[in-house]
C-alpha cells in the first residue's frame, strides 16, 4: 500500500503562499469557579433552566405544524406547549408547559 500524499507539500508545489505552520491560537480563557469541565456557553435565545424536547415525525407533520402556527399568528413553540398541556391534562397531570400568549 502506498503512502498517502502530504497535502501541504502538494499545495507548496502548486504555488501556495500559505504558511505551513498552524496559526497561533490565543490562550484559553480562565474558567470561573463552579464551571465544570466541558461546559458550553448557553445560547442567548434559550431561557435559563429549559431543556430541548425533540421527536421525529414525517415531513408533512412539520409542515402542517408550521402552517398552523402561521394561521394562528403564533409560534411552533407556543403550539407545542399547548399540545403538551393537553396531553398532561388528559393523563391527570398538572399543566406545567409554559405557553406564549399571543400579542394580538
PDB file of N, CA and C in Angstrom:
ATOM      1  N   UNK A   1       0.838  -1.169   0.000  1.00  0.00           N
ATOM      2  CA  UNK A   1       0.000   0.000   0.000  1.00  0.00           C
ATOM      3  C   UNK A   1       0.887   1.238   0.000  1.00  0.00           C
ATOM      4  N   UNK A   2       0.578   2.217  -0.851  1.00  0.00           N
ATOM      5  CA  UNK A   2       1.419   3.404  -0.954  1.00  0.00           C
ATOM      6  C   UNK A   2       1.068   4.413   0.141  1.00  0.00           C
ATOM      7  N   UNK A   3       2.052   5.249   0.440  1.00  0.00           N
ATOM      8  CA  UNK A   3       1.885   6.276   1.458  1.00  0.00           C
ATOM      9  C   UNK A   3       0.977   7.382   0.929  1.00  0.00           C
ATOM     10  N   UNK A   4       0.110   7.887   1.812  1.00  0.00           N
ATOM     11  CA  UNK A   4      -0.797   8.963   1.410  1.00  0.00           C
ATOM     12  C   UNK A   4      -0.006  10.236   1.147  1.00  0.00           C
ATOM     13  N   UNK A   5      -0.391  11.026   0.148  1.00  0.00           N
ATOM     14  CA  UNK A   5       0.354  12.249  -0.160  1.00  0.00           C
ATOM     15  C   UNK A   5       0.178  13.301   0.932  1.00  0.00           C
ATOM     16  N   UNK A   6       1.220  14.100   1.128  1.00  0.00           N
ATOM     17  CA  UNK A   6       1.193  15.195   2.075  1.00  0.00           C
ATOM     18  C   UNK A   6       0.556  16.395   1.378  1.00  0.00           C
ATOM     19  N   UNK A   7      -0.607  16.811   1.840  1.00  0.00           N
ATOM     20  CA  UNK A   7      -1.322  17.893   1.173  1.00  0.00           C
ATOM     21  C   UNK A   7      -0.582  19.221   1.253  1.00  0.00           C
ATOM     22  N   UNK A   8       0.152  19.453   2.331  1.00  0.00           N
ATOM     23  CA  UNK A   8       0.919  20.694   2.445  1.00  0.00           C
ATOM     24  C   UNK A   8       1.999  20.764   1.378  1.00  0.00           C
ATOM     25  N   UNK A   9       2.661  19.634   1.133  1.00  0.00           N
ATOM     26  CA  UNK A   9       3.700  19.595   0.100  1.00  0.00           C
ATOM     27  C   UNK A   9       3.094  19.807  -1.288  1.00  0.00           C
ATOM     28  N   UNK A  10       1.939  19.232  -1.530  1.00  0.00           N
ATOM     29  CA  UNK A  10       1.265  19.412  -2.822  1.00  0.00           C
ATOM     30  C   UNK A  10       0.882  20.873  -3.020  1.00  0.00           C
ATOM     31  N   UNK A  11       0.386  21.521  -1.957  1.00  0.00           N
ATOM     32  CA  UNK A  11      -0.015  22.923  -2.055  1.00  0.00           C
ATOM     33  C   UNK A  11       1.188  23.815  -2.335  1.00  0.00           C
ATOM     34  N   UNK A  12       2.323  23.552  -1.665  1.00  0.00           N
ATOM     35  CA  UNK A  12       3.531  24.338  -1.906  1.00  0.00           C
ATOM     36  C   UNK A  12       4.002  24.135  -3.335  1.00  0.00           C
ATOM     37  N   UNK A  13       3.970  22.900  -3.817  1.00  0.00           N
ATOM     38  CA  UNK A  13       4.394  22.612  -5.189  1.00  0.00           C
ATOM     39  C   UNK A  13       3.488  23.307  -6.198  1.00  0.00           C
ATOM     40  N   UNK A  14       2.233  23.521  -5.836  1.00  0.00           N
ATOM     41  CA  UNK A  14       1.293  24.177  -6.738  1.00  0.00           C
ATOM     42  C   UNK A  14       1.403  25.693  -6.672  1.00  0.00           C
ATOM     43  N   UNK A  15       2.281  26.203  -5.785  1.00  0.00           N
ATOM     44  CA  UNK A  15       2.489  27.643  -5.722  1.00  0.00           C
ATOM     45  C   UNK A  15       1.760  28.321  -4.578  1.00  0.00           C
ATOM     46  N   UNK A  16       1.330  27.591  -3.600  1.00  0.00           N
ATOM     47  CA  UNK A  16       0.642  28.182  -2.462  1.00  0.00           C
ATOM     48  C   UNK A  16       1.604  29.021  -1.645  1.00  0.00           C
ATOM     49  N   UNK A  17       1.146  30.160  -1.175  1.00  0.00           N
ATOM     50  CA  UNK A  17       1.964  31.020  -0.328  1.00  0.00           C
ATOM     51  C   UNK A  17       1.487  30.966   1.121  1.00  0.00           C
ATOM     52  N   UNK A  18       0.591  30.096   1.397  1.00  0.00           N
ATOM     53  CA  UNK A  18       0.046  29.962   2.746  1.00  0.00           C
ATOM     54  C   UNK A  18       1.108  29.365   3.671  1.00  0.00           C
ATOM     55  N   UNK A  19       1.145  29.836   4.891  1.00  0.00           N
ATOM     56  CA  UNK A  19       2.102  29.318   5.862  1.00  0.00           C
ATOM     57  C   UNK A  19       1.765  27.870   6.176  1.00  0.00           C
ATOM     58  N   UNK A  20       2.809  27.074   6.345  1.00  0.00           N
ATOM     59  CA  UNK A  20       2.579  25.667   6.643  1.00  0.00           C
ATOM     60  C   UNK A  20       2.422  25.410   8.135  1.00  0.00           C
ATOM     61  N   UNK A  21       2.852  26.351   8.974  1.00  0.00           N
ATOM     62  CA  UNK A  21       2.700  26.141  10.416  1.00  0.00           C
ATOM     63  C   UNK A  21       1.277  26.531  10.826  1.00  0.00           C
ATOM     64  N   UNK A  22       0.730  25.864  11.826  1.00  0.00           N
ATOM     65  CA  UNK A  22      -0.628  26.183  12.249  1.00  0.00           C
ATOM     66  C   UNK A  22      -0.690  27.588  12.839  1.00  0.00           C
ATOM     67  N   UNK A  23      -1.829  28.268  12.697  1.00  0.00           N
ATOM     68  CA  UNK A  23      -1.936  29.621  13.228  1.00  0.00           C
ATOM     69  C   UNK A  23      -1.860  29.603  14.755  1.00  0.00           C
ATOM     70  N   UNK A  24      -1.312  30.689  15.297  1.00  0.00           N
ATOM     71  CA  UNK A  24      -1.214  30.819  16.745  1.00  0.00           C
ATOM     72  C   UNK A  24      -2.614  30.988  17.323  1.00  0.00           C
ATOM     73  N   UNK A  25      -2.921  30.227  18.346  1.00  0.00           N
ATOM     74  CA  UNK A  25      -4.222  30.344  18.990  1.00  0.00           C
ATOM     75  C   UNK A  25      -4.062  31.096  20.296  1.00  0.00           C
ATOM     76  N   UNK A  26      -5.017  31.965  20.625  1.00  0.00           N
ATOM     77  CA  UNK A  26      -4.915  32.698  21.885  1.00  0.00           C
ATOM     78  C   UNK A  26      -5.081  31.728  23.053  1.00  0.00           C
ATOM     79  N   UNK A  27      -4.531  32.083  24.208  1.00  0.00           N
ATOM     80  CA  UNK A  27      -4.665  31.188  25.354  1.00  0.00           C
ATOM     81  C   UNK A  27      -6.128  31.016  25.743  1.00  0.00           C
ATOM     82  N   UNK A  28      -6.454  29.851  26.272  1.00  0.00           N
ATOM     83  CA  UNK A  28      -7.825  29.557  26.670  1.00  0.00           C
ATOM     84  C   UNK A  28      -8.230  30.472  27.817  1.00  0.00           C
ATOM     85  N   UNK A  29      -9.485  30.959  27.800  1.00  0.00           N
ATOM     86  CA  UNK A  29      -9.928  31.829  28.888  1.00  0.00           C
ATOM     87  C   UNK A  29      -9.969  31.061  30.204  1.00  0.00           C
ATOM     88  N   UNK A  30      -9.677  31.769  31.274  1.00  0.00           N
ATOM     89  CA  UNK A  30      -9.708  31.158  32.592  1.00  0.00           C
ATOM     90  C   UNK A  30     -11.131  30.814  32.963  1.00  0.00           C
ATOM     91  N   UNK A  31     -11.342  29.613  33.507  1.00  0.00           N
ATOM     92  CA  UNK A  31     -12.677  29.208  33.928  1.00  0.00           C
ATOM     93  C   UNK A  31     -12.985  29.822  35.277  1.00  0.00           C
ATOM     94  N   UNK A  32     -14.236  30.248  35.420  1.00  0.00           N
ATOM     95  CA  UNK A  32     -14.683  30.768  36.696  1.00  0.00           C
ATOM     96  C   UNK A  32     -14.921  29.606  37.644  1.00  0.00           C
ATOM     97  N   UNK A  33     -14.781  29.840  38.944  1.00  0.00           N
ATOM     98  CA  UNK A  33     -15.080  28.771  39.890  1.00  0.00           C
ATOM     99  C   UNK A  33     -16.519  28.292  39.723  1.00  0.00           C
ATOM    100  N   UNK A  34     -16.696  26.997  39.781  1.00  0.00           N
ATOM    101  CA  UNK A  34     -18.042  26.436  39.635  1.00  0.00           C
ATOM    102  C   UNK A  34     -18.348  25.975  38.223  1.00  0.00           C
ATOM    103  N   UNK A  35     -17.522  26.375  37.270  1.00  0.00           N
ATOM    104  CA  UNK A  35     -17.737  25.908  35.907  1.00  0.00           C
ATOM    105  C   UNK A  35     -17.080  24.557  35.752  1.00  0.00           C
ATOM    106  N   UNK A  36     -17.862  23.574  35.343  1.00  0.00           N
ATOM    107  CA  UNK A  36     -17.336  22.227  35.171  1.00  0.00           C
ATOM    108  C   UNK A  36     -16.610  22.086  33.857  1.00  0.00           C
ATOM    109  N   UNK A  37     -15.864  21.042  33.756  1.00  0.00           N
ATOM    110  CA  UNK A  37     -15.144  20.765  32.525  1.00  0.00           C
ATOM    111  C   UNK A  37     -16.156  20.360  31.452  1.00  0.00           C
ATOM    112  N   UNK A  38     -15.976  20.874  30.265  1.00  0.00           N
ATOM    113  CA  UNK A  38     -16.847  20.502  29.163  1.00  0.00           C
ATOM    114  C   UNK A  38     -18.127  21.330  29.084  1.00  0.00           C
ATOM    115  N   UNK A  39     -18.245  22.370  29.876  1.00  0.00           N
ATOM    116  CA  UNK A  39     -19.451  23.199  29.788  1.00  0.00           C
ATOM    117  C   UNK A  39     -19.348  24.095  28.571  1.00  0.00           C
ATOM    118  N   UNK A  40     -20.470  24.299  27.927  1.00  0.00           N
ATOM    119  CA  UNK A  40     -20.523  25.166  26.761  1.00  0.00           C
ATOM    120  C   UNK A  40     -21.345  26.394  27.099  1.00  0.00           C
ATOM    121  N   UNK A  41     -21.068  27.502  26.445  1.00  0.00           N
ATOM    122  CA  UNK A  41     -21.899  28.674  26.696  1.00  0.00           C
ATOM    123  C   UNK A  41     -23.323  28.417  26.222  1.00  0.00           C
ATOM    124  N   UNK A  42     -24.281  28.909  26.975  1.00  0.00           N
ATOM    125  CA  UNK A  42     -25.694  28.711  26.650  1.00  0.00           C
ATOM    126  C   UNK A  42     -26.102  29.712  25.572  1.00  0.00           C
ATOM    127  N   UNK A  43     -26.890  29.256  24.624  1.00  0.00           N
ATOM    128  CA  UNK A  43     -27.379  30.145  23.568  1.00  0.00           C
ATOM    129  C   UNK A  43     -28.220  31.248  24.195  1.00  0.00           C
ATOM    130  N   UNK A  44     -28.047  32.463  23.722  1.00  0.00           N
ATOM    131  CA  UNK A  44     -28.786  33.594  24.280  1.00  0.00           C
ATOM    132  C   UNK A  44     -30.268  33.536  23.962  1.00  0.00           C
ATOM    133  N   UNK A  45     -30.666  32.707  22.999  1.00  0.00           N
ATOM    134  CA  UNK A  45     -32.076  32.647  22.615  1.00  0.00           C
ATOM    135  C   UNK A  45     -32.876  31.686  23.474  1.00  0.00           C
ATOM    136  N   UNK A  46     -32.240  30.964  24.361  1.00  0.00           N
ATOM    137  CA  UNK A  46     -32.926  29.980  25.180  1.00  0.00           C
ATOM    138  C   UNK A  46     -33.055  30.467  26.603  1.00  0.00           C
ATOM    139  N   UNK A  47     -34.189  30.194  27.215  1.00  0.00           N
ATOM    140  CA  UNK A  47     -34.423  30.596  28.592  1.00  0.00           C
ATOM    141  C   UNK A  47     -33.598  29.719  29.526  1.00  0.00           C
ATOM    142  N   UNK A  48     -33.174  30.298  30.630  1.00  0.00           N
ATOM    143  CA  UNK A  48     -32.401  29.572  31.630  1.00  0.00           C
ATOM    144  C   UNK A  48     -33.255  28.457  32.232  1.00  0.00           C
ATOM    145  N   UNK A  49     -32.677  27.295  32.391  1.00  0.00           N
ATOM    146  CA  UNK A  49     -33.370  26.189  33.034  1.00  0.00           C
ATOM    147  C   UNK A  49     -34.308  25.425  32.126  1.00  0.00           C
ATOM    148  N   UNK A  50     -34.156  25.536  30.822  1.00  0.00           N
ATOM    149  CA  UNK A  50     -35.019  24.796  29.904  1.00  0.00           C
ATOM    150  C   UNK A  50     -34.233  23.675  29.251  1.00  0.00           C
ATOM    151  N   UNK A  51     -34.928  22.680  28.757  1.00  0.00           N
ATOM    152  CA  UNK A  51     -34.335  21.551  28.041  1.00  0.00           C
ATOM    153  C   UNK A  51     -35.072  21.376  26.725  1.00  0.00           C
ATOM    154  N   UNK A  52     -34.354  20.992  25.695  1.00  0.00           N
ATOM    155  CA  UNK A  52     -34.969  20.729  24.407  1.00  0.00           C
ATOM    156  C   UNK A  52     -35.655  19.372  24.442  1.00  0.00           C
ATOM    157  N   UNK A  53     -36.859  19.320  23.891  1.00  0.00           N
ATOM    158  CA  UNK A  53     -37.586  18.065  23.724  1.00  0.00           C
ATOM    159  C   UNK A  53     -37.777  17.892  22.228  1.00  0.00           C
ATOM    160  N   UNK A  54     -37.349  16.761  21.705  1.00  0.00           N
ATOM    161  CA  UNK A  54     -37.409  16.564  20.260  1.00  0.00           C
ATOM    162  C   UNK A  54     -38.009  15.205  19.929  1.00  0.00           C
ATOM    163  N   UNK A  55     -38.578  15.107  18.747  1.00  0.00           N
ATOM    164  CA  UNK A  55     -39.130  13.853  18.247  1.00  0.00           C
ATOM    165  C   UNK A  55     -39.048  13.873  16.731  1.00  0.00           C
ATOM    166  N   UNK A  56     -39.104  12.723  16.118  1.00  0.00           N
ATOM    167  CA  UNK A  56     -39.052  12.619  14.664  1.00  0.00           C
ATOM    168  C   UNK A  56     -40.425  12.220  14.136  1.00  0.00           C
ATOM    169  N   UNK A  57     -40.915  13.002  13.185  1.00  0.00           N
ATOM    170  CA  UNK A  57     -42.194  12.749  12.524  1.00  0.00           C
ATOM    171  C   UNK A  57     -42.004  12.943  11.030  1.00  0.00           C
ATOM    172  N   UNK A  58     -42.958  12.474  10.210  1.00  0.00           N
ATOM    173  CA  UNK A  58     -42.860  12.722   8.771  1.00  0.00           C
ATOM    174  C   UNK A  58     -42.829  14.226   8.472  1.00  0.00           C
ATOM    175  N   UNK A  59     -42.220  14.571   7.358  1.00  0.00           N
ATOM    176  CA  UNK A  59     -42.082  15.982   6.967  1.00  0.00           C
ATOM    177  C   UNK A  59     -43.437  16.685   6.898  1.00  0.00           C
ATOM    178  N   UNK A  60     -44.485  15.976   6.502  1.00  0.00           N
ATOM    179  CA  UNK A  60     -45.814  16.585   6.390  1.00  0.00           C
ATOM    180  C   UNK A  60     -46.304  17.094   7.743  1.00  0.00           C
ATOM    181  N   UNK A  61     -45.933  16.390   8.818  1.00  0.00           N
ATOM    182  CA  UNK A  61     -46.329  16.825  10.165  1.00  0.00           C
ATOM    183  C   UNK A  61     -45.674  18.158  10.492  1.00  0.00           C
ATOM    184  N   UNK A  62     -44.399  18.285  10.188  1.00  0.00           N
ATOM    185  CA  UNK A  62     -43.685  19.537  10.453  1.00  0.00           C
ATOM    186  C   UNK A  62     -44.271  20.685   9.652  1.00  0.00           C
ATOM    187  N   UNK A  63     -44.564  20.445   8.375  1.00  0.00           N
ATOM    188  CA  UNK A  63     -45.140  21.491   7.538  1.00  0.00           C
ATOM    189  C   UNK A  63     -46.512  21.916   8.058  1.00  0.00           C
ATOM    190  N   UNK A  64     -47.323  20.956   8.430  1.00  0.00           N
ATOM    191  CA  UNK A  64     -48.665  21.277   8.919  1.00  0.00           C
ATOM    192  C   UNK A  64     -48.587  22.052  10.233  1.00  0.00           C
ATOM    193  N   UNK A  65     -47.651  21.689  11.089  1.00  0.00           N
ATOM    194  CA  UNK A  65     -47.481  22.398  12.352  1.00  0.00           C
ATOM    195  C   UNK A  65     -47.063  23.845  12.106  1.00  0.00           C
ATOM    196  N   UNK A  66     -46.128  24.056  11.204  1.00  0.00           N
ATOM    197  CA  UNK A  66     -45.712  25.424  10.870  1.00  0.00           C
ATOM    198  C   UNK A  66     -46.848  26.212  10.247  1.00  0.00           C
ATOM    199  N   UNK A  67     -47.614  25.545   9.367  1.00  0.00           N
ATOM    200  CA  UNK A  67     -48.742  26.212   8.726  1.00  0.00           C
ATOM    201  C   UNK A  67     -49.770  26.647   9.772  1.00  0.00           C
ATOM    202  N   UNK A  68     -50.053  25.785  10.730  1.00  0.00           N
ATOM    203  CA  UNK A  68     -50.994  26.124  11.796  1.00  0.00           C
ATOM    204  C   UNK A  68     -50.481  27.302  12.622  1.00  0.00           C
ATOM    205  N   UNK A  69     -49.194  27.324  12.890  1.00  0.00           N
ATOM    206  CA  UNK A  69     -48.613  28.440  13.635  1.00  0.00           C
ATOM    207  C   UNK A  69     -48.788  29.749  12.877  1.00  0.00           C
ATOM    208  N   UNK A  70     -48.576  29.725  11.573  1.00  0.00           N
ATOM    209  CA  UNK A  70     -48.748  30.936  10.762  1.00  0.00           C
ATOM    210  C   UNK A  70     -50.211  31.369  10.753  1.00  0.00           C
ATOM    211  N   UNK A  71     -51.114  30.410  10.550  1.00  0.00           N
ATOM    212  CA  UNK A  71     -52.540  30.738  10.510  1.00  0.00           C
ATOM    213  C   UNK A  71     -53.022  31.330  11.822  1.00  0.00           C
ATOM    214  N   UNK A  72     -52.505  30.849  12.942  1.00  0.00           N
ATOM    215  CA  UNK A  72     -52.920  31.335  14.255  1.00  0.00           C
ATOM    216  C   UNK A  72     -52.073  32.508  14.726  1.00  0.00           C
ATOM    217  N   UNK A  73     -51.100  32.919  13.906  1.00  0.00           N
ATOM    218  CA  UNK A  73     -50.190  34.020  14.237  1.00  0.00           C
ATOM    219  C   UNK A  73     -49.513  33.794  15.585  1.00  0.00           C
ATOM    220  N   UNK A  74     -48.947  32.618  15.713  1.00  0.00           N
ATOM    221  CA  UNK A  74     -48.233  32.243  16.927  1.00  0.00           C
ATOM    222  C   UNK A  74     -46.976  31.492  16.522  1.00  0.00           C
ATOM    223  N   UNK A  75     -46.336  30.846  17.456  1.00  0.00           N
ATOM    224  CA  UNK A  75     -45.104  30.113  17.166  1.00  0.00           C
ATOM    225  C   UNK A  75     -45.323  28.615  17.337  1.00  0.00           C
ATOM    226  N   UNK A  76     -44.425  27.844  16.741  1.00  0.00           N
ATOM    227  CA  UNK A  76     -44.462  26.400  16.929  1.00  0.00           C
ATOM    228  C   UNK A  76     -44.230  26.091  18.409  1.00  0.00           C
ATOM    229  N   UNK A  77     -43.379  26.869  19.065  1.00  0.00           N
ATOM    230  CA  UNK A  77     -43.108  26.697  20.497  1.00  0.00           C
ATOM    231  C   UNK A  77     -44.401  26.820  21.306  1.00  0.00           C
ATOM    232  N   UNK A  78     -45.227  27.816  20.997  1.00  0.00           N
ATOM    233  CA  UNK A  78     -46.485  28.008  21.719  1.00  0.00           C
ATOM    234  C   UNK A  78     -47.446  26.847  21.452  1.00  0.00           C
ATOM    235  N   UNK A  79     -47.511  26.393  20.198  1.00  0.00           N
ATOM    236  CA  UNK A  79     -48.378  25.258  19.871  1.00  0.00           C
ATOM    237  C   UNK A  79     -47.923  23.993  20.589  1.00  0.00           C
ATOM    238  N   UNK A  80     -46.618  23.788  20.681  1.00  0.00           N
ATOM    239  CA  UNK A  80     -46.108  22.608  21.372  1.00  0.00           C
ATOM    240  C   UNK A  80     -46.427  22.668  22.861  1.00  0.00           C
ATOM    241  N   UNK A  81     -46.316  23.852  23.464  1.00  0.00           N
ATOM    242  CA  UNK A  81     -46.680  23.997  24.871  1.00  0.00           C
ATOM    243  C   UNK A  81     -48.149  23.684  25.096  1.00  0.00           C
ATOM    244  N   UNK A  82     -49.004  24.184  24.206  1.00  0.00           N
ATOM    245  CA  UNK A  82     -50.438  23.907  24.291  1.00  0.00           C
ATOM    246  C   UNK A  82     -50.714  22.408  24.151  1.00  0.00           C
ATOM    247  N   UNK A  83     -50.051  21.768  23.195  1.00  0.00           N
ATOM    248  CA  UNK A  83     -50.264  20.340  22.962  1.00  0.00           C
ATOM    249  C   UNK A  83     -49.792  19.514  24.163  1.00  0.00           C
ATOM    250  N   UNK A  84     -48.648  19.881  24.736  1.00  0.00           N
ATOM    251  CA  UNK A  84     -48.156  19.142  25.898  1.00  0.00           C
ATOM    252  C   UNK A  84     -49.087  19.311  27.091  1.00  0.00           C
ATOM    253  N   UNK A  85     -49.607  20.515  27.295  1.00  0.00           N
ATOM    254  CA  UNK A  85     -50.546  20.730  28.395  1.00  0.00           C
ATOM    255  C   UNK A  85     -51.821  19.920  28.192  1.00  0.00           C
ATOM    256  N   UNK A  86     -52.295  19.826  26.954  1.00  0.00           N
ATOM    257  CA  UNK A  86     -53.475  18.995  26.664  1.00  0.00           C
ATOM    258  C   UNK A  86     -53.195  17.530  26.998  1.00  0.00           C
ATOM    259  N   UNK A  87     -51.995  17.061  26.653  1.00  0.00           N
ATOM    260  CA  UNK A  87     -51.603  15.682  26.959  1.00  0.00           C
ATOM    261  C   UNK A  87     -51.524  15.465  28.467  1.00  0.00           C
ATOM    262  N   UNK A  88     -50.913  16.424  29.176  1.00  0.00           N
ATOM    263  CA  UNK A  88     -50.811  16.304  30.629  1.00  0.00           C
ATOM    264  C   UNK A  88     -52.205  16.255  31.263  1.00  0.00           C
ATOM    265  N   UNK A  89     -53.099  17.115  30.798  1.00  0.00           N
ATOM    266  CA  UNK A  89     -54.470  17.151  31.332  1.00  0.00           C
ATOM    267  C   UNK A  89     -55.167  15.818  31.080  1.00  0.00           C
ATOM    268  N   UNK A  90     -55.012  15.278  29.902  1.00  0.00           N
ATOM    269  CA  UNK A  90     -55.630  14.007  29.531  1.00  0.00           C
ATOM    270  C   UNK A  90     -55.206  12.884  30.485  1.00  0.00           C
ATOM    271  N   UNK A  91     -53.974  12.946  30.963  1.00  0.00           N
ATOM    272  CA  UNK A  91     -53.450  11.898  31.826  1.00  0.00           C
ATOM    273  C   UNK A  91     -53.434  12.300  33.299  1.00  0.00           C
ATOM    274  N   UNK A  92     -54.187  13.350  33.644  1.00  0.00           N
ATOM    275  CA  UNK A  92     -54.331  13.758  35.038  1.00  0.00           C
ATOM    276  C   UNK A  92     -53.091  14.365  35.661  1.00  0.00           C
ATOM    277  N   UNK A  93     -52.262  14.976  34.855  1.00  0.00           N
ATOM    278  CA  UNK A  93     -51.043  15.625  35.344  1.00  0.00           C
ATOM    279  C   UNK A  93     -51.227  17.140  35.304  1.00  0.00           C
ATOM    280  N   UNK A  94     -50.469  17.879  36.111  1.00  0.00           N
ATOM    281  CA  UNK A  94     -50.576  19.343  36.073  1.00  0.00           C
ATOM    282  C   UNK A  94     -50.104  19.899  34.735  1.00  0.00           C
ATOM    283  N   UNK A  95     -50.764  20.932  34.276  1.00  0.00           N
ATOM    284  CA  UNK A  95     -50.406  21.586  33.004  1.00  0.00           C
ATOM    285  C   UNK A  95     -49.268  22.568  33.287  1.00  0.00           C
ATOM    286  N   UNK A  96     -48.057  22.103  33.134  1.00  0.00           N
ATOM    287  CA  UNK A  96     -46.890  22.884  33.536  1.00  0.00           C
ATOM    288  C   UNK A  96     -46.085  23.450  32.372  1.00  0.00           C
ATOM    289  N   UNK A  97     -46.421  23.109  31.137  1.00  0.00           N
ATOM    290  CA  UNK A  97     -45.662  23.624  29.991  1.00  0.00           C
ATOM    291  C   UNK A  97     -46.010  25.100  29.785  1.00  0.00           C
ATOM    292  N   UNK A  98     -45.003  25.966  29.757  1.00  0.00           N
ATOM    293  CA  UNK A  98     -45.297  27.380  29.525  1.00  0.00           C
ATOM    294  C   UNK A  98     -45.842  27.586  28.117  1.00  0.00           C
ATOM    295  N   UNK A  99     -46.841  28.436  28.010  1.00  0.00           N
ATOM    296  CA  UNK A  99     -47.450  28.740  26.721  1.00  0.00           C
ATOM    297  C   UNK A  99     -47.323  30.231  26.489  1.00  0.00           C
ATOM    298  N   UNK A 100     -46.733  30.603  25.363  1.00  0.00           N
ATOM    299  CA  UNK A 100     -46.606  32.006  24.991  1.00  0.00           C
ATOM    300  C   UNK A 100     -47.994  32.530  24.665  1.00  0.00           C
ATOM    301  N   UNK A 101     -48.320  33.670  25.165  1.00  0.00           N
ATOM    302  CA  UNK A 101     -49.600  34.293  24.855  1.00  0.00           C
ATOM    303  C   UNK A 101     -49.463  35.146  23.608  1.00  0.00           C
ATOM    304  N   UNK A 102     -50.481  35.101  22.752  1.00  0.00           N
ATOM    305  CA  UNK A 102     -50.469  35.905  21.531  1.00  0.00           C
ATOM    306  C   UNK A 102     -50.515  37.385  21.887  1.00  0.00           C
ATOM    307  N   UNK A 103     -49.753  38.178  21.157  1.00  0.00           N
ATOM    308  CA  UNK A 103     -49.724  39.620  21.412  1.00  0.00           C
ATOM    309  C   UNK A 103     -50.805  40.342  20.634  1.00  0.00           C
ATOM    310  N   UNK A 104     -51.566  39.630  19.801  1.00  0.00           N
ATOM    311  CA  UNK A 104     -52.609  40.290  19.016  1.00  0.00           C
ATOM    312  C   UNK A 104     -53.960  40.059  19.611  1.00  0.00           C
TER     313      UNK A 104
END
